[in-house]
Amino acid sequence: MTSRLLLLLMQPWFRFRRGMTLGVRAVILNGQNEVFLVRHSYAPGWLLPGGGVERGETIHDALARELQEEGGIVATGRPELHGFFSNEAKFRGDHVACFVVRSFSREAWKPTIEIKEARFFPVDALPEGTTGGTRRRIAEIVNGMEAPADW
């Protein structure tokens, strides 16, 4: 409850500070038909790893940083852009670039204040609480569907 309150208090600050926000997310798939998901301390559910792009940072730099921070994931091939989405319904002015990562290594990683858990799940047996946007992106990629405009 406290972390959810913190999120609600921080969103207006982000909106004030930035008229538009840009984030990155990744659908990381391994050879066992599993997808990598994270569970945050401040938001409910299981999500694709990712986060905000900072000033002076490319989307590729932001993606590499977020994957490392949130799960010790290091892409060993160039991530493929799945789509660029408007997340207007959840966060006014927010946009998300979603990538597919199939070639990677994983370094040692421990939970942090931000990320409680990070692990792989079978794509056909996602954990309870997996968010709608996360489920939609995984289904689009696994089933070869075109990405819509909205998250």
Protein backbone atom coordinates (compact mmCIF):
# COMPACT_ATOMS: atom_id res chain seq x y z
CA MET A 1 0.00 0.00 0.00
CA THR A 2 2.80 2.46 0.88
CA SER A 3 4.64 1.81 -2.40
CA ARG A 4 1.41 2.32 -4.36
CA LEU A 5 0.89 5.66 -2.61
CA LEU A 6 4.46 6.63 -3.48
CA LEU A 7 3.80 5.82 -7.14
CA LEU A 8 0.64 7.96 -7.14
CA LEU A 9 2.56 10.85 -5.59
CA MET A 10 5.51 10.56 -7.99
CA GLN A 11 3.51 10.47 -11.25
CA PRO A 12 2.41 14.14 -11.06
CA TRP A 13 6.03 15.14 -10.44
CA PHE A 14 7.14 13.25 -13.55
CA ARG A 15 4.33 14.86 -15.56
CA PHE A 16 5.31 18.31 -14.33
CA ARG A 17 9.00 17.71 -14.98
CA ARG A 18 8.48 16.25 -18.45
CA GLY A 19 5.67 17.05 -20.88
CA MET A 20 6.22 13.73 -22.58
CA THR A 21 7.90 10.62 -21.26
CA LEU A 22 9.63 7.84 -23.15
CA GLY A 23 10.16 4.37 -21.81
CA VAL A 24 11.53 1.05 -22.98
CA ARG A 25 10.35 -2.50 -22.28
CA ALA A 26 11.65 -5.85 -23.46
CA VAL A 27 10.09 -9.21 -24.15
CA ILE A 28 13.02 -11.50 -23.36
CA LEU A 29 12.50 -15.02 -24.70
CA ASN A 30 14.78 -17.97 -24.00
CA GLY A 31 15.12 -21.25 -25.88
CA GLN A 32 12.66 -23.04 -23.57
CA ASN A 33 9.64 -20.95 -24.68
CA GLU A 34 9.85 -18.84 -21.52
CA VAL A 35 9.61 -15.09 -21.00
CA PHE A 36 11.42 -12.98 -18.40
CA LEU A 37 9.21 -10.93 -16.06
CA VAL A 38 9.83 -8.67 -13.08
CA ARG A 39 7.78 -7.75 -10.02
CA HIS A 40 8.29 -4.21 -8.71
CA SER A 41 8.07 -3.08 -5.10
CA TYR A 42 5.98 -0.02 -6.01
CA ALA A 43 3.50 -1.40 -8.59
CA PRO A 44 1.29 -4.50 -8.58
CA GLY A 45 1.71 -7.43 -10.93
CA TRP A 46 4.34 -8.99 -13.15
CA LEU A 47 5.75 -6.76 -15.88
CA LEU A 48 8.19 -6.76 -18.74
CA PRO A 49 11.52 -5.34 -17.61
CA GLY A 50 12.22 -1.76 -18.60
CA GLY A 51 11.95 1.83 -17.54
CA GLY A 52 12.43 5.44 -18.52
CA VAL A 53 14.84 6.88 -21.05
CA GLU A 54 16.93 9.59 -19.41
CA ARG A 55 18.15 12.80 -21.03
CA GLY A 56 21.25 12.16 -23.15
CA GLU A 57 20.50 8.43 -23.35
CA THR A 58 19.47 6.53 -26.48
CA ILE A 59 16.64 4.02 -26.28
CA HIS A 60 19.22 1.27 -26.79
CA ASP A 61 21.36 2.58 -23.91
CA ALA A 62 18.27 2.83 -21.68
CA LEU A 63 17.20 -0.69 -22.59
CA ALA A 64 20.66 -2.12 -21.82
CA ARG A 65 20.77 -0.26 -18.48
CA GLU A 66 17.27 -1.31 -17.42
CA LEU A 67 17.77 -4.98 -18.33
CA GLN A 68 21.02 -5.07 -16.36
CA GLU A 69 19.51 -3.32 -13.33
CA GLU A 70 16.25 -5.26 -13.26
CA GLY A 71 17.53 -8.77 -13.88
CA GLY A 72 21.20 -9.01 -14.79
CA ILE A 73 20.26 -9.48 -18.45
CA VAL A 74 22.84 -8.50 -21.09
CA ALA A 75 21.66 -8.60 -24.71
CA THR A 76 24.29 -10.32 -26.87
CA GLY A 77 22.53 -9.50 -30.14
CA ARG A 78 20.75 -6.36 -31.29
CA PRO A 79 17.25 -6.17 -29.76
CA GLU A 80 14.46 -6.11 -32.36
CA LEU A 81 11.87 -3.31 -32.14
CA HIS A 82 8.41 -4.84 -31.76
CA GLY A 83 6.51 -1.57 -31.61
CA PHE A 84 6.26 1.97 -30.38
CA PHE A 85 3.20 2.51 -28.21
CA SER A 86 1.18 5.33 -26.69
CA ASN A 87 0.46 4.68 -23.01
CA GLU A 88 -1.92 7.65 -22.77
CA ALA A 89 -4.62 5.68 -20.93
CA LYS A 90 -2.32 4.99 -17.95
CA PHE A 91 0.02 7.97 -17.96
CA ARG A 92 -0.68 11.11 -20.01
CA GLY A 93 2.07 11.84 -22.53
CA ASP A 94 3.82 8.49 -22.03
CA HIS A 95 5.26 6.46 -24.91
CA VAL A 96 6.90 3.04 -24.79
CA ALA A 97 9.32 1.38 -27.22
CA CYS A 98 8.99 -2.39 -26.83
CA PHE A 99 11.81 -4.65 -27.98
CA VAL A 100 12.26 -8.40 -28.40
CA VAL A 101 15.45 -9.92 -26.99
CA ARG A 102 16.25 -13.52 -27.94
CA SER A 103 20.03 -13.52 -27.60
CA PHE A 104 21.36 -12.68 -24.15
CA SER A 105 23.40 -13.75 -21.16
CA ARG A 106 22.48 -13.40 -17.53
CA GLU A 107 24.86 -12.15 -14.88
CA ALA A 108 24.51 -12.60 -11.14
CA TRP A 109 21.58 -10.55 -9.86
CA LYS A 110 19.88 -10.00 -6.50
CA PRO A 111 16.52 -8.39 -5.68
CA THR A 112 16.67 -4.65 -5.00
CA ILE A 113 14.50 -2.03 -3.35
CA GLU A 114 12.86 -1.51 -6.76
CA ILE A 115 12.65 -5.11 -8.05
CA LYS A 116 11.36 -7.81 -5.69
CA GLU A 117 11.58 -10.72 -8.14
CA ALA A 118 12.81 -11.38 -11.66
CA ARG A 119 12.51 -14.74 -13.40
CA PHE A 120 11.43 -16.74 -16.44
CA PHE A 121 7.92 -18.17 -16.91
CA PRO A 122 6.48 -20.40 -19.66
CA VAL A 123 4.76 -18.14 -22.21
CA ASP A 124 1.65 -20.32 -21.98
CA ALA A 125 1.55 -20.24 -18.14
CA LEU A 126 2.14 -16.64 -17.08
CA PRO A 127 1.83 -15.96 -13.35
CA GLU A 128 -1.30 -14.56 -11.77
CA GLY A 129 -1.12 -10.80 -11.72
CA THR A 130 0.68 -10.44 -15.05
CA THR A 131 -0.49 -7.08 -16.37
CA GLY A 132 -2.71 -6.74 -19.43
CA GLY A 133 -0.13 -4.83 -21.47
CA THR A 134 2.49 -7.44 -20.65
CA ARG A 135 0.17 -10.28 -21.72
CA ARG A 136 -0.74 -8.48 -24.96
CA ARG A 137 2.88 -7.80 -25.98
CA ILE A 138 3.91 -11.41 -25.30
CA ALA A 139 0.92 -12.77 -27.29
CA GLU A 140 1.66 -10.44 -30.22
CA ILE A 141 5.27 -11.54 -30.41
CA VAL A 142 4.73 -15.26 -29.85
CA ASN A 143 1.85 -15.35 -32.34
CA GLY A 144 3.49 -13.09 -34.95
CA MET A 145 0.82 -10.41 -34.66
CA GLU A 146 1.21 -6.77 -35.67
CA ALA A 147 1.68 -4.31 -32.82
CA PRO A 148 -1.22 -1.90 -32.21
CA ALA A 149 -0.71 1.83 -31.53
CA ASP A 150 -1.70 1.75 -27.83
CA TRP A 151 -0.06 -0.10 -24.97
